[in-house]
């Protein structure tokens, strides 16, 4: 069996918390070969390389030139650089796994798509949420038609654990200039929105046709340029409706996910916790369906073995990493890594790919609708939005070059 040889570019917090430990565990279990690390911060690259016993680099091209056997690269850099690093990797003939959001605008997404097509390599987007065990079980429930026809998918969530109070005299502002500082992370509706719009699409089981959104910035701090509250309403071609709301400010919002169908619903107040509240129509009345989470020990770690939904017949999700010291959350990261690993080693198309571009497209529609005074935006988007043009112009003003040529 051919093992994909994988390197990582970007050794910051997301890599240290999720990607690096998962890559290392998959390598220990003989699933991949983890071969090198790279970061612009030479000291950080050296420290991480030492921690994992791997060669380290501060230059992507040097790493790729010295390790001709690298088959795929996990790109975990800041959002505005995803497309530039991914293009460089593709131009060196290596497959690409790029963190979400795929890129900060659709033209930047297309830089990745075009570079990979030209160079005959695959790309995958590291969207981990729909790959987590409970979300896989939910997808099986929906696929089996247990909830009937899906009519609404609704996500409400806070962003971050510590909330800021509204400032005295705070007045809400719409999307303004500059729209980005081009640092590590993007605005809340691109950061978490990329996750939630993915799930809205998957749970609705259809494609979005129209969006309306309002995004607001309340903080007066000129160094904080992104929105801190947002609400979006999505029409799907199936007739289902999606709702997404998130906030960094004010009283803490009760987090929940509701998937409502004609024959039942899931209403989960801990959307990624160890329970799955499921009610379905049985004999003319609604009944709770037990969902069992079976666990095991792998070394010192409590690991999910399987999820059993006690419908008739039962629906079972088997954790493909039950033999690995990988927690429930990082199963999603293991799945995205193995998606690009299988593409590289076995010439299998990745699982998600262009789904990552669809997530960004929905985010762009939300920004554009807000800028246009909550005007509905039709999907798919044709041409460049005014939001994307502003972001591209701001990048040119700040760095003297076009972002999609950087």
Protein backbone atom coordinates (compact mmCIF):
# COMPACT_ATOMS: atom_id res chain seq x y z
CA UNK A 1 0.00 0.00 0.00
CA UNK A 2 1.34 3.41 -0.98
CA UNK A 3 1.45 5.94 1.85
CA UNK A 4 1.05 9.58 0.92
CA UNK A 5 4.01 11.69 1.98
CA UNK A 6 2.62 14.91 3.45
CA UNK A 7 4.23 18.18 4.59
CA UNK A 8 2.65 21.14 6.38
CA UNK A 9 3.04 24.85 5.67
CA UNK A 10 2.05 27.09 8.58
CA UNK A 11 2.84 26.11 12.18
CA UNK A 12 0.71 28.62 14.09
CA UNK A 13 -2.09 27.98 16.57
CA UNK A 14 -4.51 26.05 14.28
CA UNK A 15 -1.68 23.78 13.16
CA UNK A 16 -0.39 23.23 16.70
CA UNK A 17 -3.81 22.56 18.13
CA UNK A 18 -5.27 20.31 15.43
CA UNK A 19 -3.29 19.62 12.26
CA UNK A 20 0.13 18.72 13.63
CA UNK A 21 -1.06 16.26 16.33
CA UNK A 22 -3.46 14.63 13.87
CA UNK A 23 -0.83 14.30 11.15
CA UNK A 24 1.58 12.80 13.68
CA UNK A 25 -0.98 10.28 14.99
CA UNK A 26 -2.00 9.22 11.49
CA UNK A 27 1.69 8.69 10.71
CA UNK A 28 2.18 6.64 13.91
CA UNK A 29 -0.74 4.44 12.87
CA UNK A 30 0.66 3.85 9.38
CA UNK A 31 -2.00 5.87 7.54
CA UNK A 32 0.35 8.50 6.05
CA UNK A 33 4.00 9.51 6.06
CA UNK A 34 4.52 12.92 7.71
CA UNK A 35 7.78 14.27 6.27
CA UNK A 36 8.41 18.01 6.83
CA UNK A 37 7.21 21.29 8.36
CA UNK A 38 7.50 24.86 7.11
CA UNK A 39 6.76 28.32 8.51
CA UNK A 40 7.97 31.82 7.63
CA UNK A 41 8.95 32.17 11.29
CA UNK A 42 12.24 30.26 11.25
CA UNK A 43 12.37 29.88 15.03
CA UNK A 44 8.81 28.51 15.13
CA UNK A 45 9.55 26.11 12.26
CA UNK A 46 12.68 24.89 14.07
CA UNK A 47 10.81 24.37 17.35
CA UNK A 48 7.93 22.47 15.71
CA UNK A 49 10.33 20.43 13.60
CA UNK A 50 12.23 19.49 16.75
CA UNK A 51 9.01 18.58 18.59
CA UNK A 52 7.98 16.19 15.82
CA UNK A 53 11.42 15.03 14.76
CA UNK A 54 11.04 16.37 11.23
CA UNK A 55 13.06 18.55 8.85
CA UNK A 56 11.97 22.20 9.08
CA UNK A 57 12.02 25.05 6.59
CA UNK A 58 11.20 28.74 6.37
CA UNK A 59 10.76 28.67 2.60
CA UNK A 60 8.11 26.58 0.81
CA UNK A 61 10.03 26.25 -2.46
CA UNK A 62 13.17 25.11 -0.65
CA UNK A 63 11.18 22.42 1.17
CA UNK A 64 9.55 21.19 -2.04
CA UNK A 65 12.83 21.21 -3.96
CA UNK A 66 14.69 19.27 -1.25
CA UNK A 67 11.89 16.75 -0.72
CA UNK A 68 10.95 15.58 -4.20
CA UNK A 69 8.95 12.76 -2.61
CA UNK A 70 6.41 15.10 -0.98
CA UNK A 71 3.06 14.22 -2.55
CA UNK A 72 0.69 16.65 -0.78
CA UNK A 73 0.93 19.78 1.35
CA UNK A 74 -1.37 20.83 4.18
CA UNK A 75 -1.65 24.65 3.97
CA UNK A 76 -2.49 26.14 7.38
CA UNK A 77 -1.45 29.76 6.83
CA UNK A 78 -3.47 32.96 7.33
CA UNK A 79 -6.68 33.30 5.31
CA UNK A 80 -5.40 35.97 2.85
CA UNK A 81 -2.44 33.81 1.83
CA UNK A 82 -4.26 30.51 1.20
CA UNK A 83 -4.51 30.97 -2.54
CA UNK A 84 -0.93 32.16 -3.02
CA UNK A 85 0.62 29.27 -1.09
CA UNK A 86 -1.74 26.72 -2.67
CA UNK A 87 -0.86 27.97 -6.16
CA UNK A 88 2.86 27.70 -5.40
CA UNK A 89 2.42 24.13 -4.17
CA UNK A 90 0.34 23.19 -7.24
CA UNK A 91 2.90 24.72 -9.58
CA UNK A 92 5.45 22.36 -8.03
CA UNK A 93 3.21 19.44 -8.96
CA UNK A 94 2.00 18.61 -5.45
CA UNK A 95 -1.57 18.08 -4.28
CA UNK A 96 -3.03 20.69 -1.93
CA UNK A 97 -5.09 20.65 1.25
CA UNK A 98 -5.98 24.24 2.16
CA UNK A 99 -7.55 25.41 5.41
CA UNK A 100 -10.99 26.98 5.35
CA UNK A 101 -12.09 29.43 4.18
CA UNK A 102 -10.69 28.27 0.86
CA UNK A 103 -9.76 31.89 0.11
CA UNK A 104 -10.97 35.40 0.97
CA UNK A 105 -12.80 36.02 -2.34
CA UNK A 106 -14.07 33.93 -5.24
CA UNK A 107 -11.36 35.15 -7.65
CA UNK A 108 -8.80 33.97 -5.09
CA UNK A 109 -10.57 30.60 -4.88
CA UNK A 110 -10.29 30.36 -8.64
CA UNK A 111 -6.53 30.94 -8.43
CA UNK A 112 -6.36 27.61 -6.58
CA UNK A 113 -8.78 25.83 -8.89
CA UNK A 114 -7.00 27.01 -12.04
CA UNK A 115 -3.48 26.27 -10.73
CA UNK A 116 -4.45 22.72 -9.75
CA UNK A 117 -6.16 22.04 -13.07
CA UNK A 118 -3.20 23.39 -15.07
CA UNK A 119 -0.74 21.25 -13.13
CA UNK A 120 -2.82 18.07 -12.96
CA UNK A 121 -3.09 17.92 -9.16
CA UNK A 122 -6.00 17.67 -6.75
CA UNK A 123 -7.04 20.19 -4.14
CA UNK A 124 -9.07 19.67 -0.99
CA UNK A 125 -10.51 22.16 1.50
CA UNK A 126 -10.06 21.51 5.21
CA UNK A 127 -13.74 21.85 6.13
CA UNK A 128 -13.84 19.69 9.24
CA UNK A 129 -17.31 20.26 10.73
CA UNK A 130 -19.41 18.10 8.42
CA UNK A 131 -16.79 15.36 8.81
CA UNK A 132 -17.11 15.17 12.60
CA UNK A 133 -18.71 11.96 13.94
CA UNK A 134 -22.04 13.43 15.06
CA UNK A 135 -22.39 15.34 11.82
CA UNK A 136 -21.71 12.15 9.84
CA UNK A 137 -24.43 10.43 11.88
CA UNK A 138 -26.84 13.30 11.17
CA UNK A 139 -26.09 13.00 7.46
CA UNK A 140 -26.96 9.30 7.65
CA UNK A 141 -30.25 10.13 9.43
CA UNK A 142 -31.15 12.67 6.76
CA UNK A 143 -30.07 10.34 3.94
CA UNK A 144 -32.36 7.63 5.30
CA UNK A 145 -35.30 10.07 5.18
CA UNK A 146 -35.99 9.78 8.93
CA UNK A 147 -36.94 13.48 9.18
CA UNK A 148 -38.94 13.45 5.95
CA UNK A 149 -38.58 16.48 3.69
CA UNK A 150 -36.27 19.09 5.22
CA UNK A 151 -38.00 22.46 5.54
CA UNK A 152 -35.64 24.47 7.77
CA UNK A 153 -32.05 24.41 9.02
CA UNK A 154 -31.25 26.99 11.69
CA UNK A 155 -27.89 27.74 13.34
CA UNK A 156 -27.43 30.28 16.15
CA UNK A 157 -24.01 30.52 17.76
CA UNK A 158 -21.73 32.88 19.63
CA UNK A 159 -18.28 33.53 18.22
CA UNK A 160 -15.65 33.01 20.87
CA UNK A 161 -16.04 32.21 24.53
CA UNK A 162 -15.58 35.69 25.98
CA UNK A 163 -18.13 38.29 25.02
CA UNK A 164 -17.65 42.01 24.88
CA UNK A 165 -20.33 44.36 26.12
CA UNK A 166 -21.76 46.98 23.83
CA UNK A 167 -19.79 50.18 24.17
CA UNK A 168 -21.62 53.23 25.51
CA UNK A 169 -23.32 54.99 22.64
CA UNK A 170 -22.34 52.26 20.18
CA UNK A 171 -23.95 52.73 16.78
CA UNK A 172 -24.03 49.89 14.29
CA UNK A 173 -22.17 50.32 11.02
CA UNK A 174 -22.45 48.30 7.84
CA UNK A 175 -19.43 46.86 6.02
CA UNK A 176 -16.91 49.70 5.70
CA UNK A 177 -13.41 50.50 4.53
CA UNK A 178 -10.95 49.03 4.95
CA UNK A 179 -12.76 45.70 4.86
CA UNK A 180 -9.70 43.76 6.05
CA UNK A 181 -6.29 44.17 7.68
CA UNK A 182 -5.16 41.02 5.82
CA UNK A 183 -4.02 39.37 9.04
CA UNK A 184 -4.46 35.72 9.98
CA UNK A 185 -8.25 35.62 10.21
CA UNK A 186 -11.13 37.10 8.29
CA UNK A 187 -14.43 38.53 9.50
CA UNK A 188 -16.75 36.41 11.60
CA UNK A 189 -19.08 35.72 8.68
CA UNK A 190 -16.23 34.31 6.61
CA UNK A 191 -14.50 32.59 9.51
CA UNK A 192 -17.43 30.69 11.05
CA UNK A 193 -19.79 31.31 8.14
CA UNK A 194 -17.72 29.04 5.90
CA UNK A 195 -18.43 26.23 8.37
CA UNK A 196 -22.12 26.92 8.85
CA UNK A 197 -22.99 27.55 5.21
CA UNK A 198 -21.40 24.18 4.44
CA UNK A 199 -23.64 22.52 7.00
CA UNK A 200 -26.73 24.44 5.89
CA UNK A 201 -26.23 23.15 2.34
CA UNK A 202 -25.50 19.59 3.39
CA UNK A 203 -28.43 19.38 5.83
CA UNK A 204 -30.88 21.06 3.43
CA UNK A 205 -29.73 18.57 0.79
CA UNK A 206 -29.91 21.17 -1.96
CA UNK A 207 -28.19 24.23 -3.39
CA UNK A 208 -28.83 27.85 -2.36
CA UNK A 209 -30.62 30.11 -4.83
CA UNK A 210 -30.92 33.41 -2.93
CA UNK A 211 -29.57 35.07 0.21
CA UNK A 212 -30.45 38.09 2.34
CA UNK A 213 -28.11 39.22 5.10
CA UNK A 214 -27.37 42.01 7.56
CA UNK A 215 -23.86 42.33 8.98
CA UNK A 216 -22.93 45.00 11.50
CA UNK A 217 -19.87 46.37 13.25
CA UNK A 218 -20.47 47.89 16.70
CA UNK A 219 -16.95 48.33 18.07
CA UNK A 220 -15.52 51.79 17.58
CA UNK A 221 -11.89 50.61 17.67
CA UNK A 222 -10.44 51.56 14.24
CA UNK A 223 -8.01 48.63 14.46
CA UNK A 224 -10.95 46.22 14.47
CA UNK A 225 -12.38 46.46 10.97
CA UNK A 226 -14.49 43.31 10.72
CA UNK A 227 -18.16 42.81 11.46
CA UNK A 228 -19.05 41.54 14.95
CA UNK A 229 -22.68 40.55 14.38
CA UNK A 230 -24.50 39.03 11.43
CA UNK A 231 -27.71 37.33 10.35
CA UNK A 232 -28.40 35.54 7.05
CA UNK A 233 -31.48 33.97 5.48
CA UNK A 234 -31.00 31.44 2.68
CA UNK A 235 -33.47 30.07 0.10
CA UNK A 236 -32.67 26.60 -1.23
CA UNK A 237 -33.87 25.15 -4.51
CA UNK A 238 -35.70 22.40 -2.62
CA UNK A 239 -37.87 25.01 -0.89
CA UNK A 240 -36.00 24.62 2.43
CA UNK A 241 -34.92 27.73 4.32
CA UNK A 242 -31.59 28.20 6.10
CA UNK A 243 -30.93 30.69 8.90
CA UNK A 244 -27.55 31.59 10.38
CA UNK A 245 -26.85 34.10 13.15
CA UNK A 246 -23.64 34.79 15.03
CA UNK A 247 -22.34 37.53 17.32
CA UNK A 248 -19.28 38.62 19.27
CA UNK A 249 -21.14 41.24 21.32
CA UNK A 250 -23.96 41.65 23.82
CA UNK A 251 -25.55 39.00 25.99
CA UNK A 252 -24.34 35.49 25.30
CA UNK A 253 -26.55 33.76 22.75
CA UNK A 254 -27.87 30.28 23.40
CA UNK A 255 -26.15 28.07 20.86
CA UNK A 256 -28.26 25.63 18.93
CA UNK A 257 -28.80 23.83 15.66
CA UNK A 258 -32.28 22.87 14.51
CA UNK A 259 -32.99 20.67 11.51
CA UNK A 260 -36.74 20.51 10.95
CA UNK A 261 -38.44 18.12 8.57
CA UNK A 262 -41.96 17.02 7.78
CA UNK A 263 -41.51 13.84 9.89
CA UNK A 264 -39.25 14.97 12.72
CA UNK A 265 -36.52 17.24 13.95
CA UNK A 266 -33.12 17.51 15.59
CA UNK A 267 -32.79 20.35 18.13
CA UNK A 268 -29.29 20.33 19.59
CA UNK A 269 -28.10 22.97 22.06
CA UNK A 270 -24.58 21.57 22.04
CA UNK A 271 -24.10 21.09 18.36
CA UNK A 272 -20.84 19.16 18.68
CA UNK A 273 -21.32 17.56 22.10
CA UNK A 274 -21.88 13.88 22.95
CA UNK A 275 -25.63 13.74 22.37
CA UNK A 276 -28.03 13.86 19.45
CA UNK A 277 -31.59 14.95 20.42
CA UNK A 278 -33.81 13.33 17.79
CA UNK A 279 -37.64 13.34 17.68
CA UNK A 280 -39.61 11.72 14.90
CA UNK A 281 -43.23 11.02 14.01
CA UNK A 282 -44.19 7.50 15.13
CA UNK A 283 -47.78 6.27 15.09
CA UNK A 284 -49.21 9.76 14.68
CA UNK A 285 -47.20 11.30 17.52
CA UNK A 286 -43.68 12.67 18.12
CA UNK A 287 -41.31 10.34 19.95
CA UNK A 288 -37.73 10.68 21.21
CA UNK A 289 -35.35 8.28 19.50
CA UNK A 290 -32.43 7.06 21.64
CA UNK A 291 -28.98 7.70 20.22
CA UNK A 292 -26.10 5.76 21.77
CA UNK A 293 -22.48 6.91 21.73
CA UNK A 294 -20.19 3.91 22.28
CA UNK A 295 -16.64 4.69 23.38
CA UNK A 296 -13.32 2.96 24.00
CA UNK A 297 -9.84 3.72 25.37
CA UNK A 298 -6.87 4.21 23.09
CA UNK A 299 -3.90 4.76 25.36
CA UNK A 300 -4.90 7.55 27.73
CA UNK A 301 -7.58 8.96 25.43
CA UNK A 302 -11.34 8.33 25.47
CA UNK A 303 -12.19 7.69 21.82
CA UNK A 304 -15.53 7.32 20.05
CA UNK A 305 -16.08 3.84 18.65
CA UNK A 306 -19.50 4.18 17.02
CA UNK A 307 -22.83 6.02 17.15
CA UNK A 308 -26.01 3.93 17.04
CA UNK A 309 -29.32 5.63 16.23
CA UNK A 310 -32.07 3.31 17.48
CA UNK A 311 -34.49 3.75 14.60
CA UNK A 312 -36.07 0.75 12.89
CA UNK A 313 -33.80 -0.40 11.36
CA UNK A 314 -30.90 1.13 13.37
CA UNK A 315 -28.53 3.60 11.75
CA UNK A 316 -24.87 3.21 12.68
CA UNK A 317 -21.84 5.45 12.23
CA UNK A 318 -18.50 3.68 12.67
CA UNK A 319 -15.51 5.86 13.53
CA UNK A 320 -12.84 5.00 10.94
CA UNK A 321 -10.19 6.24 13.41
CA UNK A 322 -11.36 4.27 16.46
CA UNK A 323 -7.89 2.68 16.68
CA UNK A 324 -6.19 6.10 16.80
CA UNK A 325 -5.61 8.48 19.71
CA UNK A 326 -7.75 11.12 17.99
CA UNK A 327 -10.59 12.85 19.84
CA UNK A 328 -14.07 13.40 18.39
CA UNK A 329 -13.30 16.94 17.22
CA UNK A 330 -10.12 15.97 15.39
CA UNK A 331 -11.77 13.07 13.57
CA UNK A 332 -12.89 15.83 11.18
CA UNK A 333 -9.26 16.85 10.66
CA UNK A 334 -8.21 13.24 10.17
CA UNK A 335 -10.89 12.86 7.49
CA UNK A 336 -9.77 15.94 5.55
CA UNK A 337 -6.11 14.85 5.74
CA UNK A 338 -6.94 11.35 4.54
CA UNK A 339 -9.06 12.79 1.74
CA UNK A 340 -6.02 14.49 0.17
CA UNK A 341 -3.80 11.53 1.13
CA UNK A 342 -6.03 9.12 -0.80
CA UNK A 343 -6.13 11.55 -3.72
CA UNK A 344 -2.34 11.68 -3.79
CA UNK A 345 -1.67 7.98 -3.26
CA UNK A 346 -4.58 6.42 -5.14
CA UNK A 347 -5.66 9.06 -7.68
CA UNK A 348 -9.07 9.36 -5.99
CA UNK A 349 -10.92 12.70 -6.26
CA UNK A 350 -11.10 14.41 -2.84
CA UNK A 351 -14.39 14.34 -0.97
CA UNK A 352 -15.15 18.09 -0.81
CA UNK A 353 -13.01 20.18 -3.17
CA UNK A 354 -15.28 22.68 -4.89
CA UNK A 355 -17.61 22.52 -1.90
CA UNK A 356 -15.13 24.89 -0.27
CA UNK A 357 -15.68 27.39 -3.06
CA UNK A 358 -19.46 27.16 -2.56
CA UNK A 359 -18.98 28.04 1.12
CA UNK A 360 -17.02 31.16 0.19
CA UNK A 361 -19.62 32.03 -2.44
CA UNK A 362 -22.36 32.04 0.21
CA UNK A 363 -20.19 34.24 2.43
CA UNK A 364 -19.64 36.68 -0.44
CA UNK A 365 -23.40 36.77 -1.05
CA UNK A 366 -23.97 37.62 2.63
CA UNK A 367 -21.47 40.49 2.55
CA UNK A 368 -22.89 41.80 -0.71
CA UNK A 369 -26.49 41.67 0.50
CA UNK A 370 -25.56 43.64 3.60
CA UNK A 371 -23.68 46.28 1.61
CA UNK A 372 -26.68 46.63 -0.70
CA UNK A 373 -29.09 47.30 2.17
CA UNK A 374 -30.26 43.68 2.58
CA UNK A 375 -31.04 43.33 -1.11
CA UNK A 376 -31.47 39.66 -2.09
CA UNK A 377 -28.43 38.25 -3.89
CA UNK A 378 -28.98 35.45 -6.41
CA UNK A 379 -26.78 32.37 -6.41
CA UNK A 380 -24.58 31.33 -8.08
CA UNK A 381 -22.74 34.67 -8.25
CA UNK A 382 -21.68 35.85 -11.70
CA UNK A 383 -18.85 38.36 -11.90
CA UNK A 384 -17.16 40.08 -8.98
CA UNK A 385 -19.17 41.55 -6.10
CA UNK A 386 -18.68 45.08 -4.79
CA UNK A 387 -17.43 43.59 -1.50
CA UNK A 388 -14.76 41.60 -3.33
CA UNK A 389 -13.76 44.65 -5.36
CA UNK A 390 -13.37 46.69 -2.16
CA UNK A 391 -11.23 43.98 -0.59
CA UNK A 392 -9.07 43.68 -3.70
CA UNK A 393 -8.66 47.48 -3.86
CA UNK A 394 -7.73 47.64 -0.18
CA UNK A 395 -5.08 44.96 -0.72
CA UNK A 396 -3.62 46.85 -3.67
CA UNK A 397 -3.56 50.09 -1.64
CA UNK A 398 -1.82 48.37 1.27
CA UNK A 399 0.66 46.17 -0.59
CA UNK A 400 0.93 47.70 -4.06
CA UNK A 401 -0.17 44.55 -5.92
CA UNK A 402 -3.34 42.67 -6.78
CA UNK A 403 -4.28 40.05 -4.19
CA UNK A 404 -5.16 37.42 -6.79
CA UNK A 405 -1.71 37.90 -8.35
CA UNK A 406 0.17 37.84 -5.03
